[in-house]
Amino acid sequence: MTFHYSAEEGSIRVDDNHILRARLQRADGEWQDAEIDLNNHIGNDNGSFFWDGENFADSAQDVHFTIEGDGEVPVLRATLLNEDGEGIERDLNLSERIVNNDGNFLFN
């Protein structure tokens, strides 16, 4: 299940530039606090996000989370440093790989 559709309204946030937190609904309808360390799943490749990497936050600034557009897309935004130290504004659709598995975040 897409995590942002099953999260308590207003509960999704990114702490410490890499910890995604929310109150997610379980299959029984109850709410549960959940978190996932995005640094374990997302990297920075010369100023671009990439899945199956790690430690993107080590070279990121202004990391924040938003829900955007008519499709209510859950977007991670940050300025990522490239190899020359230049900051490049980037975004990543977190619903591509992160889901709610019975009240817990799961990386697919």
PDB file of N, CA and C in Angstrom:
ATOM      1  N   MET A   1       0.847  -1.169   0.000  1.00  0.00           N
ATOM      2  CA  MET A   1       0.000   0.000   0.000  1.00  0.00           C
ATOM      3  C   MET A   1       0.897   1.238   0.000  1.00  0.00           C
ATOM      4  N   THR A   2       0.561   2.226  -0.821  1.00  0.00           N
ATOM      5  CA  THR A   2       1.326   3.456  -0.877  1.00  0.00           C
ATOM      6  C   THR A   2       1.266   4.149   0.476  1.00  0.00           C
ATOM      7  N   PHE A   3       2.423   4.464   1.038  1.00  0.00           N
ATOM      8  CA  PHE A   3       2.473   4.921   2.426  1.00  0.00           C
ATOM      9  C   PHE A   3       1.768   6.242   2.657  1.00  0.00           C
ATOM     10  N   HIS A   4       1.834   7.167   1.725  1.00  0.00           N
ATOM     11  CA  HIS A   4       1.286   8.497   2.004  1.00  0.00           C
ATOM     12  C   HIS A   4      -0.247   8.518   2.001  1.00  0.00           C
ATOM     13  N   TYR A   5      -0.881   7.558   1.349  1.00  0.00           N
ATOM     14  CA  TYR A   5      -2.341   7.475   1.389  1.00  0.00           C
ATOM     15  C   TYR A   5      -2.842   6.833   2.676  1.00  0.00           C
ATOM     16  N   SER A   6      -1.969   6.133   3.367  1.00  0.00           N
ATOM     17  CA  SER A   6      -2.372   5.448   4.594  1.00  0.00           C
ATOM     18  C   SER A   6      -1.685   6.039   5.827  1.00  0.00           C
ATOM     19  N   ALA A   7      -1.214   7.272   5.694  1.00  0.00           N
ATOM     20  CA  ALA A   7      -0.587   7.967   6.819  1.00  0.00           C
ATOM     21  C   ALA A   7      -1.574   8.963   7.420  1.00  0.00           C
ATOM     22  N   GLU A   8      -1.477   9.136   8.724  1.00  0.00           N
ATOM     23  CA  GLU A   8      -2.306  10.124   9.399  1.00  0.00           C
ATOM     24  C   GLU A   8      -1.979  11.504   8.830  1.00  0.00           C
ATOM     25  N   GLU A   9      -3.007  12.264   8.534  1.00  0.00           N
ATOM     26  CA  GLU A   9      -2.829  13.564   7.904  1.00  0.00           C
ATOM     27  C   GLU A   9      -1.873  14.431   8.712  1.00  0.00           C
ATOM     28  N   GLY A  10      -0.903  15.003   8.009  1.00  0.00           N
ATOM     29  CA  GLY A  10       0.055  15.907   8.631  1.00  0.00           C
ATOM     30  C   GLY A  10       1.165  15.233   9.417  1.00  0.00           C
ATOM     31  N   SER A  11       1.208  13.897   9.427  1.00  0.00           N
ATOM     32  CA  SER A  11       2.198  13.212  10.265  1.00  0.00           C
ATOM     33  C   SER A  11       3.514  12.908   9.550  1.00  0.00           C
ATOM     34  N   ILE A  12       3.548  12.998   8.221  1.00  0.00           N
ATOM     35  CA  ILE A  12       4.758  12.614   7.492  1.00  0.00           C
ATOM     36  C   ILE A  12       5.787  13.740   7.585  1.00  0.00           C
ATOM     37  N   ARG A  13       7.011  13.344   7.921  1.00  0.00           N
ATOM     38  CA  ARG A  13       8.087  14.327   8.004  1.00  0.00           C
ATOM     39  C   ARG A  13       9.434  13.631   7.825  1.00  0.00           C
ATOM     40  N   VAL A  14      10.464  14.417   7.567  1.00  0.00           N
ATOM     41  CA  VAL A  14      11.832  13.917   7.519  1.00  0.00           C
ATOM     42  C   VAL A  14      12.604  14.613   8.632  1.00  0.00           C
ATOM     43  N   ASP A  15      13.164  13.820   9.545  1.00  0.00           N
ATOM     44  CA  ASP A  15      13.964  14.332  10.651  1.00  0.00           C
ATOM     45  C   ASP A  15      15.441  14.041  10.403  1.00  0.00           C
ATOM     46  N   ASP A  16      16.282  14.903  10.901  1.00  0.00           N
ATOM     47  CA  ASP A  16      17.745  14.727  10.796  1.00  0.00           C
ATOM     48  C   ASP A  16      18.195  14.535   9.350  1.00  0.00           C
ATOM     49  N   ASN A  17      17.457  15.070   8.418  1.00  0.00           N
ATOM     50  CA  ASN A  17      17.759  15.029   6.978  1.00  0.00           C
ATOM     51  C   ASN A  17      17.666  13.655   6.333  1.00  0.00           C
ATOM     52  N   HIS A  18      17.307  12.595   7.110  1.00  0.00           N
ATOM     53  CA  HIS A  18      17.277  11.271   6.472  1.00  0.00           C
ATOM     54  C   HIS A  18      16.330  10.264   7.122  1.00  0.00           C
ATOM     55  N   ILE A  19      15.649  10.623   8.203  1.00  0.00           N
ATOM     56  CA  ILE A  19      14.721   9.691   8.845  1.00  0.00           C
ATOM     57  C   ILE A  19      13.288  10.065   8.455  1.00  0.00           C
ATOM     58  N   LEU A  20      12.649   9.218   7.654  1.00  0.00           N
ATOM     59  CA  LEU A  20      11.259   9.425   7.270  1.00  0.00           C
ATOM     60  C   LEU A  20      10.384   8.866   8.379  1.00  0.00           C
ATOM     61  N   ARG A  21       9.484   9.711   8.923  1.00  0.00           N
ATOM     62  CA  ARG A  21       8.608   9.293  10.015  1.00  0.00           C
ATOM     63  C   ARG A  21       7.164   9.627   9.662  1.00  0.00           C
ATOM     64  N   ALA A  22       6.252   8.798  10.175  1.00  0.00           N
ATOM     65  CA  ALA A  22       4.812   9.032   9.996  1.00  0.00           C
ATOM     66  C   ALA A  22       4.044   8.117  10.936  1.00  0.00           C
ATOM     67  N   ARG A  23       2.770   8.429  11.108  1.00  0.00           N
ATOM     68  CA  ARG A  23       1.834   7.498  11.764  1.00  0.00           C
ATOM     69  C   ARG A  23       1.104   6.792  10.637  1.00  0.00           C
ATOM     70  N   LEU A  24       1.353   5.497  10.521  1.00  0.00           N
ATOM     71  CA  LEU A  24       0.782   4.703   9.441  1.00  0.00           C
ATOM     72  C   LEU A  24      -0.336   3.817   9.966  1.00  0.00           C
ATOM     73  N   GLN A  25      -1.327   3.620   9.101  1.00  0.00           N
ATOM     74  CA  GLN A  25      -2.464   2.780   9.478  1.00  0.00           C
ATOM     75  C   GLN A  25      -2.139   1.315   9.208  1.00  0.00           C
ATOM     76  N   ARG A  26      -2.468   0.474  10.187  1.00  0.00           N
ATOM     77  CA  ARG A  26      -2.309  -0.973  10.046  1.00  0.00           C
ATOM     78  C   ARG A  26      -3.554  -1.562   9.383  1.00  0.00           C
ATOM     79  N   ALA A  27      -3.486  -2.820   9.042  1.00  0.00           N
ATOM     80  CA  ALA A  27      -4.617  -3.509   8.397  1.00  0.00           C
ATOM     81  C   ALA A  27      -5.844  -3.534   9.294  1.00  0.00           C
ATOM     82  N   ASP A  28      -5.636  -3.535  10.619  1.00  0.00           N
ATOM     83  CA  ASP A  28      -6.775  -3.555  11.545  1.00  0.00           C
ATOM     84  C   ASP A  28      -7.352  -2.167  11.808  1.00  0.00           C
ATOM     85  N   GLY A  29      -6.822  -1.142  11.123  1.00  0.00           N
ATOM     86  CA  GLY A  29      -7.328   0.217  11.256  1.00  0.00           C
ATOM     87  C   GLY A  29      -6.649   1.045  12.328  1.00  0.00           C
ATOM     88  N   GLU A  30      -5.833   0.433  13.149  1.00  0.00           N
ATOM     89  CA  GLU A  30      -5.109   1.158  14.197  1.00  0.00           C
ATOM     90  C   GLU A  30      -3.936   1.928  13.589  1.00  0.00           C
ATOM     91  N   TRP A  31      -3.493   2.968  14.320  1.00  0.00           N
ATOM     92  CA  TRP A  31      -2.369   3.792  13.875  1.00  0.00           C
ATOM     93  C   TRP A  31      -1.105   3.374  14.610  1.00  0.00           C
ATOM     94  N   GLN A  32       0.010   3.471  13.912  1.00  0.00           N
ATOM     95  CA  GLN A  32       1.286   3.067  14.480  1.00  0.00           C
ATOM     96  C   GLN A  32       2.369   4.052  14.041  1.00  0.00           C
ATOM     97  N   ASP A  33       3.232   4.452  14.971  1.00  0.00           N
ATOM     98  CA  ASP A  33       4.384   5.272  14.615  1.00  0.00           C
ATOM     99  C   ASP A  33       5.363   4.418  13.818  1.00  0.00           C
ATOM    100  N   ALA A  34       5.872   4.981  12.724  1.00  0.00           N
ATOM    101  CA  ALA A  34       6.795   4.239  11.869  1.00  0.00           C
ATOM    102  C   ALA A  34       7.928   5.159  11.432  1.00  0.00           C
ATOM    103  N   GLU A  35       9.067   4.553  11.154  1.00  0.00           N
ATOM    104  CA  GLU A  35      10.192   5.312  10.623  1.00  0.00           C
ATOM    105  C   GLU A  35      11.056   4.411   9.762  1.00  0.00           C
ATOM    106  N   ILE A  36      11.766   5.062   8.832  1.00  0.00           N
ATOM    107  CA  ILE A  36      12.715   4.359   7.979  1.00  0.00           C
ATOM    108  C   ILE A  36      13.884   5.308   7.730  1.00  0.00           C
ATOM    109  N   ASP A  37      15.089   4.774   7.788  1.00  0.00           N
ATOM    110  CA  ASP A  37      16.284   5.569   7.536  1.00  0.00           C
ATOM    111  C   ASP A  37      16.539   5.587   6.032  1.00  0.00           C
ATOM    112  N   LEU A  38      16.271   6.714   5.411  1.00  0.00           N
ATOM    113  CA  LEU A  38      16.440   6.832   3.961  1.00  0.00           C
ATOM    114  C   LEU A  38      17.896   6.701   3.540  1.00  0.00           C
ATOM    115  N   ASN A  39      18.825   6.978   4.457  1.00  0.00           N
ATOM    116  CA  ASN A  39      20.248   6.813   4.150  1.00  0.00           C
ATOM    117  C   ASN A  39      20.615   5.365   3.843  1.00  0.00           C
ATOM    118  N   ASN A  40      19.786   4.428   4.252  1.00  0.00           N
ATOM    119  CA  ASN A  40      20.048   3.010   3.963  1.00  0.00           C
ATOM    120  C   ASN A  40      19.589   2.595   2.568  1.00  0.00           C
ATOM    121  N   HIS A  41      18.896   3.505   1.854  1.00  0.00           N
ATOM    122  CA  HIS A  41      18.280   3.122   0.581  1.00  0.00           C
ATOM    123  C   HIS A  41      18.507   4.110  -0.560  1.00  0.00           C
ATOM    124  N   ILE A  42      18.992   5.316  -0.242  1.00  0.00           N
ATOM    125  CA  ILE A  42      19.142   6.364  -1.257  1.00  0.00           C
ATOM    126  C   ILE A  42      20.567   6.914  -1.203  1.00  0.00           C
ATOM    127  N   GLY A  43      21.157   7.047  -2.369  1.00  0.00           N
ATOM    128  CA  GLY A  43      22.498   7.620  -2.468  1.00  0.00           C
ATOM    129  C   GLY A  43      22.503   8.895  -3.284  1.00  0.00           C
ATOM    130  N   ASN A  44      23.674   9.514  -3.364  1.00  0.00           N
ATOM    131  CA  ASN A  44      23.903  10.697  -4.188  1.00  0.00           C
ATOM    132  C   ASN A  44      24.968  10.335  -5.212  1.00  0.00           C
ATOM    133  N   ASP A  45      24.582  10.345  -6.477  1.00  0.00           N
ATOM    134  CA  ASP A  45      25.515  10.070  -7.563  1.00  0.00           C
ATOM    135  C   ASP A  45      25.794  11.375  -8.303  1.00  0.00           C
ATOM    136  N   ASN A  46      26.845  12.058  -7.896  1.00  0.00           N
ATOM    137  CA  ASN A  46      27.281  13.302  -8.534  1.00  0.00           C
ATOM    138  C   ASN A  46      26.156  14.328  -8.652  1.00  0.00           C
ATOM    139  N   GLY A  47      25.370  14.474  -7.579  1.00  0.00           N
ATOM    140  CA  GLY A  47      24.324  15.480  -7.552  1.00  0.00           C
ATOM    141  C   GLY A  47      22.954  14.976  -7.937  1.00  0.00           C
ATOM    142  N   SER A  48      22.772  13.669  -8.020  1.00  0.00           N
ATOM    143  CA  SER A  48      21.464  13.086  -8.343  1.00  0.00           C
ATOM    144  C   SER A  48      21.136  11.983  -7.343  1.00  0.00           C
ATOM    145  N   PHE A  49      19.871  11.935  -6.930  1.00  0.00           N
ATOM    146  CA  PHE A  49      19.417  10.828  -6.089  1.00  0.00           C
ATOM    147  C   PHE A  49      19.491   9.526  -6.873  1.00  0.00           C
ATOM    148  N   PHE A  50      19.776   8.410  -6.177  1.00  0.00           N
ATOM    149  CA  PHE A  50      19.609   7.109  -6.798  1.00  0.00           C
ATOM    150  C   PHE A  50      19.221   6.079  -5.746  1.00  0.00           C
ATOM    151  N   TRP A  51      18.279   5.211  -6.158  1.00  0.00           N
ATOM    152  CA  TRP A  51      17.810   4.127  -5.294  1.00  0.00           C
ATOM    153  C   TRP A  51      18.890   3.067  -5.159  1.00  0.00           C
ATOM    154  N   ASP A  52      18.814   2.292  -4.091  1.00  0.00           N
ATOM    155  CA  ASP A  52      19.754   1.219  -3.780  1.00  0.00           C
ATOM    156  C   ASP A  52      21.155   1.752  -3.477  1.00  0.00           C
ATOM    157  N   GLY A  53      21.223   3.039  -3.145  1.00  0.00           N
ATOM    158  CA  GLY A  53      22.474   3.635  -2.693  1.00  0.00           C
ATOM    159  C   GLY A  53      22.403   3.834  -1.195  1.00  0.00           C
ATOM    160  N   GLU A  54      23.313   4.651  -0.686  1.00  0.00           N
ATOM    161  CA  GLU A  54      23.260   4.946   0.737  1.00  0.00           C
ATOM    162  C   GLU A  54      23.922   6.288   1.029  1.00  0.00           C
ATOM    163  N   ASN A  55      23.545   6.839   2.166  1.00  0.00           N
ATOM    164  CA  ASN A  55      24.158   8.031   2.748  1.00  0.00           C
ATOM    165  C   ASN A  55      24.027   9.302   1.911  1.00  0.00           C
ATOM    166  N   PHE A  56      22.900   9.477   1.208  1.00  0.00           N
ATOM    167  CA  PHE A  56      22.698  10.702   0.440  1.00  0.00           C
ATOM    168  C   PHE A  56      22.794  11.936   1.329  1.00  0.00           C
ATOM    169  N   ALA A  57      22.337  11.828   2.583  1.00  0.00           N
ATOM    170  CA  ALA A  57      22.270  12.998   3.460  1.00  0.00           C
ATOM    171  C   ALA A  57      23.639  13.555   3.812  1.00  0.00           C
ATOM    172  N   ASP A  58      24.680  12.736   3.657  1.00  0.00           N
ATOM    173  CA  ASP A  58      26.038  13.210   3.950  1.00  0.00           C
ATOM    174  C   ASP A  58      26.472  14.319   3.004  1.00  0.00           C
ATOM    175  N   SER A  59      25.840  14.400   1.831  1.00  0.00           N
ATOM    176  CA  SER A  59      26.196  15.417   0.844  1.00  0.00           C
ATOM    177  C   SER A  59      24.951  16.171   0.374  1.00  0.00           C
ATOM    178  N   ALA A  60      24.016  16.383   1.321  1.00  0.00           N
ATOM    179  CA  ALA A  60      22.760  17.059   0.984  1.00  0.00           C
ATOM    180  C   ALA A  60      22.513  18.240   1.922  1.00  0.00           C
ATOM    181  N   GLN A  61      21.830  19.223   1.401  1.00  0.00           N
ATOM    182  CA  GLN A  61      21.422  20.389   2.177  1.00  0.00           C
ATOM    183  C   GLN A  61      19.944  20.638   1.923  1.00  0.00           C
ATOM    184  N   ASP A  62      19.312  21.343   2.847  1.00  0.00           N
ATOM    185  CA  ASP A  62      17.909  21.739   2.705  1.00  0.00           C
ATOM    186  C   ASP A  62      17.005  20.550   2.362  1.00  0.00           C
ATOM    187  N   VAL A  63      17.148  19.459   3.090  1.00  0.00           N
ATOM    188  CA  VAL A  63      16.349  18.256   2.869  1.00  0.00           C
ATOM    189  C   VAL A  63      14.959  18.479   3.457  1.00  0.00           C
ATOM    190  N   HIS A  64      13.925  18.231   2.653  1.00  0.00           N
ATOM    191  CA  HIS A  64      12.567  18.354   3.164  1.00  0.00           C
ATOM    192  C   HIS A  64      11.608  17.469   2.364  1.00  0.00           C
ATOM    193  N   PHE A  65      10.437  17.261   2.958  1.00  0.00           N
ATOM    194  CA  PHE A  65       9.408  16.392   2.382  1.00  0.00           C
ATOM    195  C   PHE A  65       8.178  17.221   2.064  1.00  0.00           C
ATOM    196  N   THR A  66       7.560  16.949   0.916  1.00  0.00           N
ATOM    197  CA  THR A  66       6.302  17.596   0.547  1.00  0.00           C
ATOM    198  C   THR A  66       5.405  16.596  -0.176  1.00  0.00           C
ATOM    199  N   ILE A  67       4.109  16.881  -0.145  1.00  0.00           N
ATOM    200  CA  ILE A  67       3.140  16.176  -0.987  1.00  0.00           C
ATOM    201  C   ILE A  67       2.804  17.170  -2.095  1.00  0.00           C
ATOM    202  N   GLU A  68       2.965  16.752  -3.350  1.00  0.00           N
ATOM    203  CA  GLU A  68       2.853  17.692  -4.462  1.00  0.00           C
ATOM    204  C   GLU A  68       1.902  17.210  -5.549  1.00  0.00           C
ATOM    205  N   GLY A  69       1.295  18.170  -6.213  1.00  0.00           N
ATOM    206  CA  GLY A  69       0.511  17.933  -7.408  1.00  0.00           C
ATOM    207  C   GLY A  69      -0.844  17.304  -7.169  1.00  0.00           C
ATOM    208  N   ASP A  70      -1.589  17.197  -8.260  1.00  0.00           N
ATOM    209  CA  ASP A  70      -2.930  16.624  -8.212  1.00  0.00           C
ATOM    210  C   ASP A  70      -2.900  15.149  -7.830  1.00  0.00           C
ATOM    211  N   GLY A  71      -1.816  14.453  -8.157  1.00  0.00           N
ATOM    212  CA  GLY A  71      -1.686  13.046  -7.820  1.00  0.00           C
ATOM    213  C   GLY A  71      -1.187  12.825  -6.410  1.00  0.00           C
ATOM    214  N   GLU A  72      -0.998  13.907  -5.668  1.00  0.00           N
ATOM    215  CA  GLU A  72      -0.505  13.838  -4.292  1.00  0.00           C
ATOM    216  C   GLU A  72       0.732  12.952  -4.203  1.00  0.00           C
ATOM    217  N   VAL A  73       1.789  13.384  -4.876  1.00  0.00           N
ATOM    218  CA  VAL A  73       3.036  12.641  -4.939  1.00  0.00           C
ATOM    219  C   VAL A  73       3.894  12.970  -3.709  1.00  0.00           C
ATOM    220  N   PRO A  74       4.389  11.944  -2.984  1.00  0.00           N
ATOM    221  CA  PRO A  74       5.268  12.184  -1.839  1.00  0.00           C
ATOM    222  C   PRO A  74       6.703  12.412  -2.322  1.00  0.00           C
ATOM    223  N   VAL A  75       7.181  13.647  -2.172  1.00  0.00           N
ATOM    224  CA  VAL A  75       8.452  14.038  -2.771  1.00  0.00           C
ATOM    225  C   VAL A  75       9.485  14.396  -1.701  1.00  0.00           C
ATOM    226  N   LEU A  76      10.661  13.794  -1.833  1.00  0.00           N
ATOM    227  CA  LEU A  76      11.828  14.182  -1.048  1.00  0.00           C
ATOM    228  C   LEU A  76      12.592  15.189  -1.882  1.00  0.00           C
ATOM    229  N   ARG A  77      12.847  16.359  -1.330  1.00  0.00           N
ATOM    230  CA  ARG A  77      13.599  17.407  -2.030  1.00  0.00           C
ATOM    231  C   ARG A  77      14.858  17.715  -1.249  1.00  0.00           C
ATOM    232  N   ALA A  78      15.922  18.013  -1.990  1.00  0.00           N
ATOM    233  CA  ALA A  78      17.185  18.385  -1.357  1.00  0.00           C
ATOM    234  C   ALA A  78      18.089  19.054  -2.380  1.00  0.00           C
ATOM    235  N   THR A  79      19.062  19.764  -1.872  1.00  0.00           N
ATOM    236  CA  THR A  79      20.162  20.249  -2.701  1.00  0.00           C
ATOM    237  C   THR A  79      21.306  19.267  -2.495  1.00  0.00           C
ATOM    238  N   LEU A  80      21.662  18.568  -3.568  1.00  0.00           N
ATOM    239  CA  LEU A  80      22.709  17.550  -3.506  1.00  0.00           C
ATOM    240  C   LEU A  80      24.002  18.114  -4.088  1.00  0.00           C
ATOM    241  N   LEU A  81      25.101  17.854  -3.410  1.00  0.00           N
ATOM    242  CA  LEU A  81      26.397  18.320  -3.892  1.00  0.00           C
ATOM    243  C   LEU A  81      26.943  17.353  -4.926  1.00  0.00           C
ATOM    244  N   ASN A  82      27.480  17.917  -6.021  1.00  0.00           N
ATOM    245  CA  ASN A  82      28.128  17.066  -7.022  1.00  0.00           C
ATOM    246  C   ASN A  82      29.614  16.967  -6.695  1.00  0.00           C
ATOM    247  N   GLU A  83      30.376  16.318  -7.553  1.00  0.00           N
ATOM    248  CA  GLU A  83      31.799  16.088  -7.294  1.00  0.00           C
ATOM    249  C   GLU A  83      32.601  17.379  -7.208  1.00  0.00           C
ATOM    250  N   ASP A  84      32.098  18.459  -7.809  1.00  0.00           N
ATOM    251  CA  ASP A  84      32.774  19.755  -7.762  1.00  0.00           C
ATOM    252  C   ASP A  84      32.324  20.597  -6.576  1.00  0.00           C
ATOM    253  N   GLY A  85      31.430  20.037  -5.747  1.00  0.00           N
ATOM    254  CA  GLY A  85      30.941  20.766  -4.583  1.00  0.00           C
ATOM    255  C   GLY A  85      29.811  21.730  -4.886  1.00  0.00           C
ATOM    256  N   GLU A  86      29.283  21.673  -6.096  1.00  0.00           N
ATOM    257  CA  GLU A  86      28.164  22.535  -6.478  1.00  0.00           C
ATOM    258  C   GLU A  86      26.855  21.902  -6.029  1.00  0.00           C
ATOM    259  N   GLY A  87      25.938  22.716  -5.516  1.00  0.00           N
ATOM    260  CA  GLY A  87      24.644  22.232  -5.091  1.00  0.00           C
ATOM    261  C   GLY A  87      23.646  22.201  -6.234  1.00  0.00           C
ATOM    262  N   ILE A  88      22.962  21.080  -6.382  1.00  0.00           N
ATOM    263  CA  ILE A  88      21.958  20.915  -7.437  1.00  0.00           C
ATOM    264  C   ILE A  88      20.653  20.516  -6.771  1.00  0.00           C
ATOM    265  N   GLU A  89      19.586  21.279  -7.040  1.00  0.00           N
ATOM    266  CA  GLU A  89      18.277  20.958  -6.467  1.00  0.00           C
ATOM    267  C   GLU A  89      17.709  19.734  -7.160  1.00  0.00           C
ATOM    268  N   ARG A  90      17.337  18.738  -6.347  1.00  0.00           N
ATOM    269  CA  ARG A  90      16.811  17.483  -6.877  1.00  0.00           C
ATOM    270  C   ARG A  90      15.589  17.048  -6.093  1.00  0.00           C
ATOM    271  N   ASP A  91      14.807  16.162  -6.682  1.00  0.00           N
ATOM    272  CA  ASP A  91      13.657  15.584  -5.990  1.00  0.00           C
ATOM    273  C   ASP A  91      13.541  14.113  -6.339  1.00  0.00           C
ATOM    274  N   LEU A  92      12.839  13.394  -5.452  1.00  0.00           N
ATOM    275  CA  LEU A  92      12.663  11.957  -5.618  1.00  0.00           C
ATOM    276  C   LEU A  92      11.274  11.573  -5.139  1.00  0.00           C
ATOM    277  N   ASN A  93      10.543  10.832  -5.957  1.00  0.00           N
ATOM    278  CA  ASN A  93       9.221  10.336  -5.596  1.00  0.00           C
ATOM    279  C   ASN A  93       9.406   9.124  -4.689  1.00  0.00           C
ATOM    280  N   LEU A  94       9.128   9.298  -3.399  1.00  0.00           N
ATOM    281  CA  LEU A  94       9.356   8.214  -2.439  1.00  0.00           C
ATOM    282  C   LEU A  94       8.409   7.039  -2.626  1.00  0.00           C
ATOM    283  N   SER A  95       7.247   7.262  -3.239  1.00  0.00           N
ATOM    284  CA  SER A  95       6.305   6.158  -3.417  1.00  0.00           C
ATOM    285  C   SER A  95       6.762   5.160  -4.483  1.00  0.00           C
ATOM    286  N   GLU A  96       7.831   5.481  -5.214  1.00  0.00           N
ATOM    287  CA  GLU A  96       8.379   4.532  -6.184  1.00  0.00           C
ATOM    288  C   GLU A  96       8.863   3.260  -5.499  1.00  0.00           C
ATOM    289  N   ARG A  97       9.378   3.399  -4.254  1.00  0.00           N
ATOM    290  CA  ARG A  97       9.995   2.246  -3.608  1.00  0.00           C
ATOM    291  C   ARG A  97       9.617   2.063  -2.138  1.00  0.00           C
ATOM    292  N   ILE A  98       8.927   3.019  -1.538  1.00  0.00           N
ATOM    293  CA  ILE A  98       8.594   2.911  -0.119  1.00  0.00           C
ATOM    294  C   ILE A  98       7.085   2.744   0.038  1.00  0.00           C
ATOM    295  N   VAL A  99       6.697   1.733   0.810  1.00  0.00           N
ATOM    296  CA  VAL A  99       5.282   1.410   1.001  1.00  0.00           C
ATOM    297  C   VAL A  99       4.986   1.232   2.492  1.00  0.00           C
ATOM    298  N   ASN A 100       3.684   1.151   2.797  1.00  0.00           N
ATOM    299  CA  ASN A 100       3.211   0.828   4.136  1.00  0.00           C
ATOM    300  C   ASN A 100       2.901  -0.661   4.163  1.00  0.00           C
ATOM    301  N   ASN A 101       3.593  -1.377   5.024  1.00  0.00           N
ATOM    302  CA  ASN A 101       3.350  -2.804   5.218  1.00  0.00           C
ATOM    303  C   ASN A 101       2.795  -2.997   6.625  1.00  0.00           C
ATOM    304  N   ASP A 102       1.474  -2.950   6.748  1.00  0.00           N
ATOM    305  CA  ASP A 102       0.787  -3.148   8.025  1.00  0.00           C
ATOM    306  C   ASP A 102       1.310  -2.230   9.129  1.00  0.00           C
ATOM    307  N   GLY A 103       1.466  -0.952   8.785  1.00  0.00           N
ATOM    308  CA  GLY A 103       1.877   0.038   9.783  1.00  0.00           C
ATOM    309  C   GLY A 103       3.354   0.264   9.883  1.00  0.00           C
ATOM    310  N   ASN A 104       4.132  -0.369   9.016  1.00  0.00           N
ATOM    311  CA  ASN A 104       5.587  -0.198   8.990  1.00  0.00           C
ATOM    312  C   ASN A 104       6.034   0.207   7.588  1.00  0.00           C
ATOM    313  N   PHE A 105       7.034   1.074   7.528  1.00  0.00           N
ATOM    314  CA  PHE A 105       7.615   1.383   6.238  1.00  0.00           C
ATOM    315  C   PHE A 105       8.370   0.158   5.721  1.00  0.00           C
ATOM    316  N   LEU A 106       8.257  -0.066   4.411  1.00  0.00           N
ATOM    317  CA  LEU A 106       8.980  -1.149   3.776  1.00  0.00           C
ATOM    318  C   LEU A 106       9.572  -0.615   2.486  1.00  0.00           C
ATOM    319  N   PHE A 107      10.860  -0.884   2.272  1.00  0.00           N
ATOM    320  CA  PHE A 107      11.549  -0.507   1.036  1.00  0.00           C
ATOM    321  C   PHE A 107      11.457  -1.664   0.060  1.00  0.00           C
ATOM    322  N   ASN A 108      10.925  -1.411  -1.126  1.00  0.00           N
ATOM    323  CA  ASN A 108      10.812  -2.433  -2.181  1.00  0.00           C
ATOM    324  C   ASN A 108      11.911  -2.255  -3.205  1.00  0.00           C
TER     325      ASN A 108
END
